[in-house]
């Protein structure tokens, strides 16, 4: 899989490695890039780069299989982060890949699926803490009649300040992964939408806020 580049507050590149029998989506980013929002920086982060330490998100471990073994697809990917204009919080949305294991009379199948999660940092990116899931993959039948999963990933977010507070908007991609041999049809159904996904303030009870697809 080729290195992707993301334009957020900065331009950064994320190397996700080769999609083979084992997929380890380890987010790597330099905390030093989170600074003056008026300046764009270009940083090339690859899996072998010592300049970009791997990010750990407290409370959101990489995915495992039902028997507890590490999932063939796991880790954090597609990061998008922005500093809250009303506070020192940095919000991070990212893809959380995992493997759906199905068992039936004819055998089993493994399907790579992707959810979107939200995390935050209160210390300029030194420590990240999981907040909650945003969108989860769901089983469905695609346009060709084949069983698949609808995945929500590659979320970008941006704040808009209003007289009544900050509103956050997103753009995301929806795609289907077919329930056989890790095959994926993408972009089968791209989604580019703008809507209010979360109210940042107040955060006293963020779990109570509900979010659908």
N, C-alpha and C. Protein backbone atom coordinates (compact mmCIF):
# COMPACT_ATOMS: atom_id res chain seq x y z
N UNK A 1 0.85 -1.18 0.00
CA UNK A 1 0.00 0.00 0.00
C UNK A 1 0.88 1.23 0.00
N UNK A 2 0.63 2.16 -0.87
CA UNK A 2 1.48 3.33 -0.99
C UNK A 2 1.28 4.27 0.19
N UNK A 3 2.33 5.02 0.45
CA UNK A 3 2.24 6.04 1.49
C UNK A 3 1.23 7.09 1.10
N UNK A 4 0.34 7.42 2.01
CA UNK A 4 -0.68 8.43 1.76
C UNK A 4 -0.26 9.73 2.42
N UNK A 5 -0.74 10.83 1.87
CA UNK A 5 -0.46 12.12 2.48
C UNK A 5 -1.77 12.80 2.84
N UNK A 6 -1.78 13.41 3.97
CA UNK A 6 -3.00 14.01 4.50
C UNK A 6 -2.76 15.49 4.74
N UNK A 7 -3.71 16.32 4.30
CA UNK A 7 -3.64 17.75 4.55
C UNK A 7 -4.62 18.08 5.66
N UNK A 8 -4.07 18.35 6.84
CA UNK A 8 -4.91 18.68 7.98
C UNK A 8 -4.48 20.07 8.42
N UNK A 9 -3.99 20.19 9.64
CA UNK A 9 -3.29 21.41 10.00
C UNK A 9 -1.95 21.42 9.30
N UNK A 10 -1.47 20.25 9.00
CA UNK A 10 -0.18 20.09 8.36
C UNK A 10 -0.34 19.06 7.28
N UNK A 11 0.68 18.91 6.46
CA UNK A 11 0.74 17.79 5.54
C UNK A 11 1.62 16.74 6.17
N UNK A 12 1.09 15.55 6.32
CA UNK A 12 1.89 14.47 6.87
C UNK A 12 1.64 13.22 6.07
N UNK A 13 2.57 12.32 6.05
CA UNK A 13 2.43 11.09 5.28
C UNK A 13 2.43 9.92 6.23
N UNK A 14 1.63 8.93 5.91
CA UNK A 14 1.48 7.76 6.76
C UNK A 14 1.74 6.52 5.92
N UNK A 15 2.72 5.74 6.30
CA UNK A 15 2.99 4.49 5.59
C UNK A 15 2.28 3.38 6.33
N UNK A 16 1.42 2.67 5.63
CA UNK A 16 0.61 1.63 6.26
C UNK A 16 1.19 0.24 6.01
N UNK A 17 2.22 0.13 5.20
CA UNK A 17 2.83 -1.16 4.94
C UNK A 17 2.10 -1.93 3.87
N UNK A 18 2.61 -3.10 3.56
CA UNK A 18 2.04 -3.90 2.47
C UNK A 18 0.85 -4.70 2.98
N UNK A 19 -0.20 -4.79 2.17
CA UNK A 19 -1.40 -5.55 2.50
C UNK A 19 -1.17 -6.99 2.06
N UNK A 20 -0.69 -7.81 2.99
CA UNK A 20 -0.39 -9.19 2.69
C UNK A 20 -1.20 -10.05 3.64
N UNK A 21 -0.62 -11.15 4.13
CA UNK A 21 -1.35 -11.99 5.08
C UNK A 21 -1.49 -11.30 6.43
N UNK A 22 -0.63 -10.34 6.70
CA UNK A 22 -0.70 -9.62 7.98
C UNK A 22 -0.72 -8.13 7.68
N UNK A 23 -1.68 -7.45 8.26
CA UNK A 23 -1.81 -6.02 8.04
C UNK A 23 -1.70 -5.34 9.39
N UNK A 24 -0.69 -4.52 9.58
CA UNK A 24 -0.51 -3.80 10.84
C UNK A 24 -0.57 -2.31 10.54
N UNK A 25 -1.74 -1.70 10.77
CA UNK A 25 -1.93 -0.29 10.51
C UNK A 25 -1.49 0.49 11.74
N UNK A 26 -0.23 0.82 11.84
CA UNK A 26 0.29 1.54 13.00
C UNK A 26 0.44 3.01 12.66
N UNK A 27 -0.33 3.83 13.33
CA UNK A 27 -0.24 5.27 13.10
C UNK A 27 1.09 5.79 13.60
N UNK A 28 1.77 6.54 12.74
CA UNK A 28 3.02 7.16 13.14
C UNK A 28 2.91 8.64 12.82
N UNK A 29 3.18 9.46 13.81
CA UNK A 29 3.10 10.90 13.59
C UNK A 29 4.04 11.59 14.54
N UNK A 30 4.55 12.70 14.14
CA UNK A 30 5.46 13.47 14.99
C UNK A 30 4.65 14.48 15.79
N UNK A 31 4.81 14.46 17.12
CA UNK A 31 4.04 15.39 17.94
C UNK A 31 4.46 16.83 17.70
N UNK A 32 5.66 17.02 17.15
CA UNK A 32 6.14 18.38 16.92
C UNK A 32 5.37 19.10 15.83
N UNK A 33 4.58 18.37 15.03
CA UNK A 33 3.87 19.03 13.94
C UNK A 33 2.64 19.76 14.45
N UNK A 34 2.27 19.53 15.70
CA UNK A 34 1.09 20.19 16.24
C UNK A 34 1.54 21.51 16.85
N UNK A 35 1.40 22.57 16.10
CA UNK A 35 1.88 23.84 16.59
C UNK A 35 1.06 24.97 16.05
N UNK A 36 1.72 25.97 15.50
CA UNK A 36 1.07 27.15 14.96
C UNK A 36 0.16 26.75 13.80
N UNK A 37 -1.15 26.99 13.95
CA UNK A 37 -2.10 26.58 12.93
C UNK A 37 -1.99 27.42 11.67
N UNK A 38 -1.26 28.52 11.70
CA UNK A 38 -1.12 29.35 10.51
C UNK A 38 0.00 28.86 9.62
N UNK A 39 0.74 27.82 10.06
CA UNK A 39 1.88 27.33 9.31
C UNK A 39 1.65 25.90 8.88
N UNK A 40 1.88 25.60 7.61
CA UNK A 40 1.80 24.24 7.11
C UNK A 40 3.19 23.65 7.08
N UNK A 41 3.32 22.41 7.55
CA UNK A 41 4.59 21.72 7.53
C UNK A 41 4.42 20.42 6.77
N UNK A 42 5.47 19.96 6.13
CA UNK A 42 5.45 18.69 5.41
C UNK A 42 6.38 17.72 6.12
N UNK A 43 5.83 16.60 6.59
CA UNK A 43 6.62 15.59 7.28
C UNK A 43 6.28 14.25 6.67
N UNK A 44 7.31 13.50 6.28
CA UNK A 44 7.11 12.20 5.66
C UNK A 44 7.37 11.14 6.72
N UNK A 45 6.31 10.51 7.22
CA UNK A 45 6.43 9.49 8.26
C UNK A 45 6.28 8.12 7.63
N UNK A 46 7.32 7.31 7.72
CA UNK A 46 7.25 5.94 7.24
C UNK A 46 7.42 4.99 8.42
N UNK A 47 7.10 3.73 8.19
CA UNK A 47 7.15 2.75 9.27
C UNK A 47 8.55 2.59 9.84
N UNK A 48 9.58 2.88 9.05
CA UNK A 48 10.96 2.71 9.50
C UNK A 48 11.57 3.99 10.06
N UNK A 49 10.80 5.07 10.11
CA UNK A 49 11.34 6.36 10.52
C UNK A 49 11.39 6.48 12.04
N UNK A 50 12.57 6.78 12.57
CA UNK A 50 12.71 7.02 14.00
C UNK A 50 12.24 8.42 14.39
N UNK A 51 12.07 9.29 13.40
CA UNK A 51 11.65 10.66 13.67
C UNK A 51 10.16 10.75 13.97
N UNK A 52 9.42 9.69 13.69
CA UNK A 52 7.97 9.69 13.87
C UNK A 52 7.58 8.53 14.78
N UNK A 53 7.62 8.71 16.09
CA UNK A 53 7.30 7.61 17.00
C UNK A 53 5.85 7.16 16.86
N UNK A 54 5.62 5.88 17.09
CA UNK A 54 4.28 5.32 16.98
C UNK A 54 3.38 5.86 18.08
N UNK A 55 2.16 6.19 17.72
CA UNK A 55 1.20 6.72 18.67
C UNK A 55 0.47 5.57 19.37
N UNK A 56 0.31 5.69 20.68
CA UNK A 56 -0.52 4.77 21.45
C UNK A 56 -1.75 5.53 21.92
N UNK A 57 -2.92 4.90 21.83
CA UNK A 57 -4.16 5.53 22.25
C UNK A 57 -4.69 4.77 23.46
N UNK A 58 -4.65 5.41 24.61
CA UNK A 58 -5.09 4.77 25.84
C UNK A 58 -6.58 4.45 25.78
N UNK A 59 -6.91 3.19 26.10
CA UNK A 59 -8.31 2.78 26.12
C UNK A 59 -8.82 2.27 24.80
N UNK A 60 -7.96 2.18 23.78
CA UNK A 60 -8.41 1.68 22.47
C UNK A 60 -7.32 0.78 21.89
N UNK A 61 -7.25 -0.43 22.40
CA UNK A 61 -6.23 -1.37 21.94
C UNK A 61 -6.50 -1.81 20.51
N UNK A 62 -5.46 -2.18 19.77
CA UNK A 62 -5.67 -2.74 18.43
C UNK A 62 -6.56 -3.98 18.49
N UNK A 63 -7.25 -4.27 17.41
CA UNK A 63 -8.25 -5.33 17.37
C UNK A 63 -7.64 -6.71 17.57
N UNK A 64 -8.44 -7.60 18.15
CA UNK A 64 -8.06 -9.00 18.30
C UNK A 64 -9.14 -9.89 17.70
N UNK A 65 -8.81 -11.15 17.48
CA UNK A 65 -9.77 -12.14 16.99
C UNK A 65 -10.59 -12.66 18.17
N UNK A 66 -11.70 -13.39 17.90
CA UNK A 66 -12.52 -13.90 19.00
C UNK A 66 -11.76 -14.77 19.99
N UNK A 67 -10.68 -15.43 19.54
CA UNK A 67 -9.91 -16.29 20.45
C UNK A 67 -8.80 -15.53 21.16
N UNK A 68 -8.74 -14.21 20.98
CA UNK A 68 -7.76 -13.39 21.68
C UNK A 68 -6.48 -13.13 20.92
N UNK A 69 -6.26 -13.82 19.81
CA UNK A 69 -5.05 -13.56 19.02
C UNK A 69 -5.16 -12.20 18.32
N UNK A 70 -4.02 -11.58 17.98
CA UNK A 70 -4.08 -10.30 17.26
C UNK A 70 -4.80 -10.46 15.92
N UNK A 71 -5.63 -9.51 15.59
CA UNK A 71 -6.33 -9.53 14.31
C UNK A 71 -5.32 -9.33 13.18
N UNK A 72 -5.50 -10.03 12.03
CA UNK A 72 -4.62 -9.77 10.88
C UNK A 72 -4.66 -8.31 10.44
N UNK A 73 -5.79 -7.65 10.63
CA UNK A 73 -5.91 -6.21 10.36
C UNK A 73 -6.13 -5.51 11.69
N UNK A 74 -5.23 -4.61 12.06
CA UNK A 74 -5.33 -3.98 13.37
C UNK A 74 -4.51 -2.69 13.39
N UNK A 75 -4.74 -1.91 14.42
CA UNK A 75 -3.97 -0.69 14.61
C UNK A 75 -4.81 0.55 14.39
N UNK A 76 -4.16 1.65 14.02
CA UNK A 76 -4.82 2.94 13.79
C UNK A 76 -4.36 3.47 12.44
N UNK A 77 -5.30 4.02 11.67
CA UNK A 77 -4.96 4.49 10.33
C UNK A 77 -5.76 5.75 10.00
N UNK A 78 -5.41 6.39 8.90
CA UNK A 78 -6.14 7.55 8.35
C UNK A 78 -6.35 8.65 9.38
N UNK A 79 -5.32 9.09 10.10
CA UNK A 79 -5.54 10.07 11.17
C UNK A 79 -5.86 11.46 10.64
N UNK A 80 -6.77 12.12 11.32
CA UNK A 80 -7.08 13.53 11.06
C UNK A 80 -7.24 14.20 12.41
N UNK A 81 -6.47 15.25 12.68
CA UNK A 81 -6.55 15.87 13.99
C UNK A 81 -6.55 17.38 13.86
N UNK A 82 -7.30 18.01 14.75
CA UNK A 82 -7.39 19.46 14.79
C UNK A 82 -7.43 19.93 16.23
N UNK A 83 -6.82 21.08 16.46
CA UNK A 83 -6.88 21.68 17.79
C UNK A 83 -8.21 22.41 17.96
N UNK A 84 -8.84 22.22 19.11
CA UNK A 84 -10.09 22.89 19.41
C UNK A 84 -9.82 24.39 19.53
N UNK A 85 -10.49 25.23 18.75
CA UNK A 85 -10.24 26.66 18.83
C UNK A 85 -10.67 27.28 20.15
N UNK A 86 -11.49 26.56 20.92
CA UNK A 86 -11.98 27.10 22.19
C UNK A 86 -11.23 26.56 23.40
N UNK A 87 -10.26 25.67 23.17
CA UNK A 87 -9.53 25.08 24.29
C UNK A 87 -8.18 24.58 23.80
N UNK A 88 -7.47 23.89 24.68
CA UNK A 88 -6.18 23.32 24.31
C UNK A 88 -6.30 21.88 23.86
N UNK A 89 -7.51 21.36 23.72
CA UNK A 89 -7.73 19.96 23.34
C UNK A 89 -7.39 19.77 21.86
N UNK A 90 -6.73 18.66 21.55
CA UNK A 90 -6.54 18.25 20.16
C UNK A 90 -7.41 17.02 19.94
N UNK A 91 -8.30 17.09 18.96
CA UNK A 91 -9.20 15.98 18.64
C UNK A 91 -8.61 15.17 17.50
N UNK A 92 -8.66 13.87 17.63
CA UNK A 92 -8.12 12.95 16.62
C UNK A 92 -9.20 11.97 16.19
N UNK A 93 -9.49 11.91 14.90
CA UNK A 93 -10.35 10.86 14.37
C UNK A 93 -9.47 9.95 13.53
N UNK A 94 -9.77 8.65 13.56
CA UNK A 94 -8.91 7.69 12.89
C UNK A 94 -9.69 6.43 12.55
N UNK A 95 -9.16 5.66 11.62
CA UNK A 95 -9.75 4.39 11.25
C UNK A 95 -9.24 3.30 12.19
N UNK A 96 -10.15 2.40 12.56
CA UNK A 96 -9.81 1.29 13.44
C UNK A 96 -10.13 -0.01 12.69
N UNK A 97 -9.16 -0.57 11.94
CA UNK A 97 -9.41 -1.79 11.16
C UNK A 97 -9.48 -3.02 12.05
N UNK A 98 -10.31 -3.95 11.67
CA UNK A 98 -10.43 -5.20 12.40
C UNK A 98 -10.94 -6.27 11.45
N UNK A 99 -10.99 -7.51 11.92
CA UNK A 99 -11.37 -8.64 11.08
C UNK A 99 -12.67 -9.24 11.57
N UNK A 100 -13.65 -9.35 10.67
CA UNK A 100 -14.90 -10.03 10.97
C UNK A 100 -14.73 -11.51 10.61
N UNK A 101 -14.97 -12.39 11.57
CA UNK A 101 -14.82 -13.82 11.36
C UNK A 101 -16.21 -14.44 11.31
N UNK A 102 -16.54 -15.07 10.19
CA UNK A 102 -17.85 -15.70 10.01
C UNK A 102 -17.67 -17.21 9.90
N UNK A 103 -18.56 -17.94 10.52
CA UNK A 103 -18.53 -19.40 10.47
C UNK A 103 -19.90 -19.89 10.00
N UNK A 104 -19.88 -20.86 9.09
CA UNK A 104 -21.13 -21.41 8.57
C UNK A 104 -20.95 -22.86 8.19
N UNK A 105 -22.03 -23.46 7.63
CA UNK A 105 -21.99 -24.87 7.26
C UNK A 105 -20.94 -25.14 6.20
N UNK A 106 -20.70 -24.18 5.33
CA UNK A 106 -19.72 -24.38 4.26
C UNK A 106 -18.32 -23.96 4.63
N UNK A 107 -18.09 -23.63 5.89
CA UNK A 107 -16.77 -23.17 6.30
C UNK A 107 -16.84 -21.77 6.84
N UNK A 108 -15.72 -21.10 6.87
CA UNK A 108 -15.66 -19.76 7.41
C UNK A 108 -15.08 -18.77 6.43
N UNK A 109 -15.21 -17.50 6.76
CA UNK A 109 -14.62 -16.45 5.94
C UNK A 109 -14.17 -15.32 6.85
N UNK A 110 -13.13 -14.64 6.44
CA UNK A 110 -12.61 -13.51 7.17
C UNK A 110 -12.72 -12.26 6.31
N UNK A 111 -13.20 -11.19 6.89
CA UNK A 111 -13.39 -9.95 6.15
C UNK A 111 -12.78 -8.79 6.91
N UNK A 112 -11.95 -8.01 6.25
CA UNK A 112 -11.39 -6.81 6.85
C UNK A 112 -12.44 -5.71 6.83
N UNK A 113 -12.74 -5.15 7.99
CA UNK A 113 -13.71 -4.06 8.09
C UNK A 113 -13.07 -2.91 8.87
N UNK A 114 -13.69 -1.74 8.76
CA UNK A 114 -13.09 -0.54 9.34
C UNK A 114 -14.16 0.28 10.07
N UNK A 115 -13.88 0.65 11.32
CA UNK A 115 -14.70 1.58 12.08
C UNK A 115 -13.96 2.91 12.18
N UNK A 116 -14.67 3.95 12.61
CA UNK A 116 -14.04 5.25 12.86
C UNK A 116 -14.15 5.57 14.34
N UNK A 117 -13.05 5.99 14.94
CA UNK A 117 -13.00 6.28 16.37
C UNK A 117 -12.53 7.71 16.62
N UNK A 118 -12.80 8.19 17.84
CA UNK A 118 -12.43 9.53 18.27
C UNK A 118 -11.56 9.45 19.51
N UNK A 119 -10.46 10.22 19.51
CA UNK A 119 -9.59 10.33 20.68
C UNK A 119 -9.26 11.80 20.92
N UNK A 120 -8.63 12.08 22.06
CA UNK A 120 -8.28 13.45 22.39
C UNK A 120 -6.94 13.49 23.12
N UNK A 121 -6.29 14.64 23.04
CA UNK A 121 -5.07 14.88 23.80
C UNK A 121 -5.19 16.24 24.47
N UNK A 122 -4.83 16.28 25.74
CA UNK A 122 -4.86 17.52 26.51
C UNK A 122 -3.47 18.07 26.78
N UNK A 123 -2.43 17.43 26.21
CA UNK A 123 -1.05 17.85 26.48
C UNK A 123 -0.24 17.97 25.19
N UNK A 124 -0.88 18.53 24.17
CA UNK A 124 -0.20 18.83 22.91
C UNK A 124 0.28 17.58 22.17
N UNK A 125 -0.44 16.48 22.33
CA UNK A 125 -0.13 15.27 21.58
C UNK A 125 0.79 14.29 22.28
N UNK A 126 1.20 14.57 23.51
CA UNK A 126 2.08 13.63 24.22
C UNK A 126 1.33 12.35 24.59
N UNK A 127 0.08 12.48 25.03
CA UNK A 127 -0.75 11.34 25.42
C UNK A 127 -2.10 11.47 24.73
N UNK A 128 -2.56 10.35 24.14
CA UNK A 128 -3.88 10.31 23.49
C UNK A 128 -4.78 9.37 24.26
N UNK A 129 -6.03 9.77 24.47
CA UNK A 129 -7.01 8.96 25.18
C UNK A 129 -8.24 8.75 24.31
N UNK A 130 -8.70 7.51 24.28
CA UNK A 130 -9.89 7.15 23.50
C UNK A 130 -11.13 7.82 24.10
N UNK A 131 -11.98 8.37 23.24
CA UNK A 131 -13.23 9.00 23.68
C UNK A 131 -14.41 8.08 23.41
N UNK A 132 -14.60 7.67 22.16
CA UNK A 132 -15.70 6.77 21.81
C UNK A 132 -15.64 6.42 20.33
N UNK A 133 -16.38 5.37 19.92
CA UNK A 133 -16.53 5.11 18.49
C UNK A 133 -17.40 6.19 17.85
N UNK A 134 -17.17 6.47 16.58
CA UNK A 134 -18.02 7.39 15.84
C UNK A 134 -18.95 6.62 14.91
N UNK A 135 -18.38 5.78 14.02
CA UNK A 135 -19.19 4.98 13.10
C UNK A 135 -18.62 3.58 13.04
N UNK A 136 -19.50 2.60 12.98
CA UNK A 136 -19.09 1.20 12.96
C UNK A 136 -19.44 0.57 11.62
N UNK A 137 -18.66 -0.42 11.21
CA UNK A 137 -18.97 -1.17 10.01
C UNK A 137 -20.21 -2.01 10.25
N UNK A 138 -21.02 -2.19 9.22
CA UNK A 138 -22.27 -2.93 9.34
C UNK A 138 -22.42 -3.89 8.17
N UNK A 139 -22.96 -5.10 8.41
CA UNK A 139 -23.18 -6.04 7.31
C UNK A 139 -24.31 -5.58 6.41
N UNK A 140 -24.15 -5.76 5.11
CA UNK A 140 -25.21 -5.43 4.17
C UNK A 140 -24.93 -6.11 2.84
N UNK A 141 -25.84 -6.00 1.93
CA UNK A 141 -25.68 -6.54 0.58
C UNK A 141 -25.39 -5.39 -0.38
N UNK A 142 -24.33 -5.52 -1.17
CA UNK A 142 -23.96 -4.42 -2.05
C UNK A 142 -24.83 -4.42 -3.31
N UNK A 143 -24.55 -3.49 -4.22
CA UNK A 143 -25.39 -3.32 -5.40
C UNK A 143 -25.42 -4.51 -6.34
N UNK A 144 -24.41 -5.38 -6.25
CA UNK A 144 -24.37 -6.57 -7.10
C UNK A 144 -25.05 -7.76 -6.44
N UNK A 145 -25.56 -7.58 -5.22
CA UNK A 145 -26.21 -8.67 -4.51
C UNK A 145 -25.27 -9.50 -3.67
N UNK A 146 -24.03 -9.10 -3.57
CA UNK A 146 -23.04 -9.87 -2.82
C UNK A 146 -23.01 -9.40 -1.37
N UNK A 147 -22.88 -10.36 -0.45
CA UNK A 147 -22.79 -10.02 0.97
C UNK A 147 -21.50 -9.25 1.24
N UNK A 148 -21.62 -8.20 2.01
CA UNK A 148 -20.45 -7.35 2.25
C UNK A 148 -20.65 -6.59 3.55
N UNK A 149 -19.67 -5.77 3.88
CA UNK A 149 -19.75 -4.87 5.02
C UNK A 149 -19.60 -3.44 4.52
N UNK A 150 -20.40 -2.55 5.07
CA UNK A 150 -20.25 -1.12 4.79
C UNK A 150 -19.31 -0.55 5.84
N UNK A 151 -18.21 0.02 5.38
CA UNK A 151 -17.19 0.57 6.26
C UNK A 151 -17.20 2.09 6.21
N UNK A 152 -16.86 2.69 7.33
CA UNK A 152 -16.78 4.14 7.43
C UNK A 152 -15.34 4.49 7.79
N UNK A 153 -14.64 5.21 6.92
CA UNK A 153 -13.24 5.48 7.20
C UNK A 153 -12.77 6.78 6.57
N UNK A 154 -11.48 7.07 6.77
CA UNK A 154 -10.81 8.24 6.19
C UNK A 154 -11.60 9.51 6.51
N UNK A 155 -11.86 9.71 7.78
CA UNK A 155 -12.63 10.87 8.22
C UNK A 155 -11.71 12.08 8.35
N UNK A 156 -12.14 13.22 7.84
CA UNK A 156 -11.46 14.49 8.08
C UNK A 156 -12.42 15.39 8.84
N UNK A 157 -11.90 16.17 9.76
CA UNK A 157 -12.78 17.04 10.54
C UNK A 157 -12.22 18.45 10.56
N UNK A 158 -13.13 19.41 10.74
CA UNK A 158 -12.75 20.82 10.77
C UNK A 158 -13.76 21.58 11.62
N UNK A 159 -13.29 22.54 12.41
CA UNK A 159 -14.19 23.32 13.26
C UNK A 159 -14.67 24.59 12.57
N UNK A 160 -15.85 25.02 12.96
CA UNK A 160 -16.36 26.33 12.53
C UNK A 160 -16.88 27.04 13.76
N UNK A 161 -16.32 28.20 14.04
CA UNK A 161 -16.74 28.97 15.20
C UNK A 161 -17.96 29.81 14.86
N UNK A 162 -18.95 29.77 15.73
CA UNK A 162 -20.18 30.52 15.56
C UNK A 162 -20.43 31.34 16.83
N UNK A 163 -21.37 32.26 16.79
CA UNK A 163 -21.67 33.05 18.00
C UNK A 163 -22.11 32.20 19.18
N UNK A 164 -22.64 31.01 18.91
CA UNK A 164 -23.13 30.15 19.99
C UNK A 164 -22.14 29.05 20.36
N UNK A 165 -20.99 28.98 19.71
CA UNK A 165 -20.02 27.95 20.03
C UNK A 165 -19.38 27.36 18.78
N UNK A 166 -18.63 26.29 18.98
CA UNK A 166 -17.92 25.63 17.89
C UNK A 166 -18.73 24.47 17.35
N UNK A 167 -18.86 24.40 16.04
CA UNK A 167 -19.50 23.27 15.37
C UNK A 167 -18.43 22.54 14.58
N UNK A 168 -18.45 21.21 14.68
CA UNK A 168 -17.46 20.40 13.97
C UNK A 168 -18.10 19.71 12.78
N UNK A 169 -17.40 19.69 11.66
CA UNK A 169 -17.89 19.08 10.43
C UNK A 169 -16.93 17.99 9.98
N UNK A 170 -17.45 17.09 9.17
CA UNK A 170 -16.62 15.98 8.71
C UNK A 170 -16.84 15.72 7.23
N UNK A 171 -15.85 15.06 6.63
CA UNK A 171 -16.00 14.42 5.32
C UNK A 171 -15.46 13.01 5.48
N UNK A 172 -16.16 12.01 4.98
CA UNK A 172 -15.73 10.63 5.18
C UNK A 172 -15.99 9.80 3.94
N UNK A 173 -15.39 8.63 3.91
CA UNK A 173 -15.54 7.69 2.80
C UNK A 173 -16.25 6.45 3.29
N UNK A 174 -17.26 6.02 2.57
CA UNK A 174 -17.92 4.74 2.85
C UNK A 174 -17.56 3.77 1.73
N UNK A 175 -17.18 2.55 2.10
CA UNK A 175 -16.85 1.56 1.08
C UNK A 175 -17.31 0.19 1.55
N UNK A 176 -17.41 -0.72 0.60
CA UNK A 176 -17.82 -2.09 0.89
C UNK A 176 -16.60 -3.00 0.90
N UNK A 177 -16.53 -3.92 1.85
CA UNK A 177 -15.56 -5.01 1.80
C UNK A 177 -16.35 -6.30 1.71
N UNK A 178 -15.99 -7.13 0.74
CA UNK A 178 -16.74 -8.35 0.44
C UNK A 178 -16.32 -9.45 1.41
N UNK A 179 -17.27 -10.26 1.83
CA UNK A 179 -17.03 -11.26 2.87
C UNK A 179 -16.37 -12.51 2.30
N UNK A 180 -15.22 -12.34 1.66
CA UNK A 180 -14.44 -13.48 1.17
C UNK A 180 -13.04 -13.01 0.81
N UNK A 181 -12.04 -13.69 1.34
CA UNK A 181 -10.66 -13.53 0.90
C UNK A 181 -10.12 -12.11 1.00
N UNK A 182 -10.59 -11.34 1.94
CA UNK A 182 -10.09 -9.98 2.17
C UNK A 182 -10.25 -9.09 0.95
N UNK A 183 -11.15 -9.44 0.03
CA UNK A 183 -11.34 -8.60 -1.16
C UNK A 183 -12.13 -7.36 -0.78
N UNK A 184 -11.82 -6.29 -1.45
CA UNK A 184 -12.53 -5.04 -1.18
C UNK A 184 -12.95 -4.40 -2.49
N UNK A 185 -14.16 -3.91 -2.53
CA UNK A 185 -14.63 -3.11 -3.66
C UNK A 185 -14.59 -1.65 -3.22
N UNK A 186 -13.61 -0.92 -3.69
CA UNK A 186 -13.58 0.48 -3.31
C UNK A 186 -12.92 1.29 -4.40
N UNK A 187 -13.36 2.53 -4.64
CA UNK A 187 -14.50 3.10 -3.91
C UNK A 187 -15.82 2.66 -4.53
N UNK A 188 -16.50 1.69 -3.90
CA UNK A 188 -17.79 1.23 -4.43
C UNK A 188 -18.85 2.29 -4.22
N UNK A 189 -18.84 2.90 -3.06
CA UNK A 189 -19.81 3.94 -2.77
C UNK A 189 -19.13 5.05 -1.99
N UNK A 190 -18.51 6.00 -2.68
CA UNK A 190 -17.87 7.09 -1.96
C UNK A 190 -18.90 8.01 -1.33
N UNK A 191 -18.59 8.53 -0.19
CA UNK A 191 -19.46 9.48 0.49
C UNK A 191 -18.64 10.71 0.84
N UNK A 192 -19.10 11.84 0.42
CA UNK A 192 -18.48 13.10 0.82
C UNK A 192 -19.60 13.98 1.32
N UNK A 193 -19.66 14.18 2.62
CA UNK A 193 -20.80 14.87 3.21
C UNK A 193 -20.31 15.89 4.22
N UNK A 194 -21.12 16.86 4.45
CA UNK A 194 -20.84 17.85 5.48
C UNK A 194 -22.03 17.92 6.41
N UNK A 195 -21.81 17.62 7.67
CA UNK A 195 -22.88 17.68 8.65
C UNK A 195 -22.26 17.80 10.03
N UNK A 196 -23.06 18.15 10.97
CA UNK A 196 -22.56 18.29 12.33
C UNK A 196 -22.41 16.90 12.95
N UNK A 197 -21.18 16.51 13.31
CA UNK A 197 -21.00 15.17 13.87
C UNK A 197 -20.89 15.18 15.38
N UNK A 198 -20.44 16.27 15.96
CA UNK A 198 -20.37 16.28 17.41
C UNK A 198 -20.30 17.70 17.92
N UNK A 199 -20.83 17.87 19.10
CA UNK A 199 -20.76 19.16 19.77
C UNK A 199 -19.63 19.07 20.79
N UNK A 200 -18.57 19.81 20.53
CA UNK A 200 -17.39 19.67 21.37
C UNK A 200 -17.63 20.15 22.79
N UNK A 201 -18.32 21.27 22.94
CA UNK A 201 -18.56 21.82 24.27
C UNK A 201 -20.05 21.78 24.60
N UNK A 202 -20.46 21.34 25.79
CA UNK A 202 -19.60 20.82 26.84
C UNK A 202 -19.32 19.33 26.65
N UNK A 203 -18.30 18.84 27.32
CA UNK A 203 -17.92 17.43 27.22
C UNK A 203 -18.12 16.70 28.54
N UNK A 204 -19.00 17.20 29.39
CA UNK A 204 -19.18 16.56 30.69
C UNK A 204 -19.69 15.13 30.55
N UNK A 205 -20.51 14.87 29.53
CA UNK A 205 -21.08 13.54 29.35
C UNK A 205 -21.05 13.16 27.88
N UNK A 206 -19.86 12.99 27.30
CA UNK A 206 -19.78 12.75 25.86
C UNK A 206 -20.37 11.42 25.44
N UNK A 207 -20.38 10.42 26.33
CA UNK A 207 -20.89 9.11 25.96
C UNK A 207 -22.38 9.16 25.67
N UNK A 208 -23.08 10.11 26.25
CA UNK A 208 -24.52 10.21 26.06
C UNK A 208 -24.89 10.70 24.67
N UNK A 209 -23.92 11.30 23.95
CA UNK A 209 -24.21 11.79 22.62
C UNK A 209 -24.22 10.62 21.65
N UNK A 210 -25.23 10.52 20.82
CA UNK A 210 -25.36 9.40 19.89
C UNK A 210 -24.99 9.86 18.49
N UNK A 211 -24.41 8.93 17.73
CA UNK A 211 -23.98 9.23 16.37
C UNK A 211 -24.32 8.04 15.50
N UNK A 212 -25.01 8.28 14.40
CA UNK A 212 -25.33 7.22 13.46
C UNK A 212 -24.44 7.27 12.25
N UNK A 213 -24.76 6.43 11.27
CA UNK A 213 -24.00 6.40 10.03
C UNK A 213 -24.28 7.63 9.22
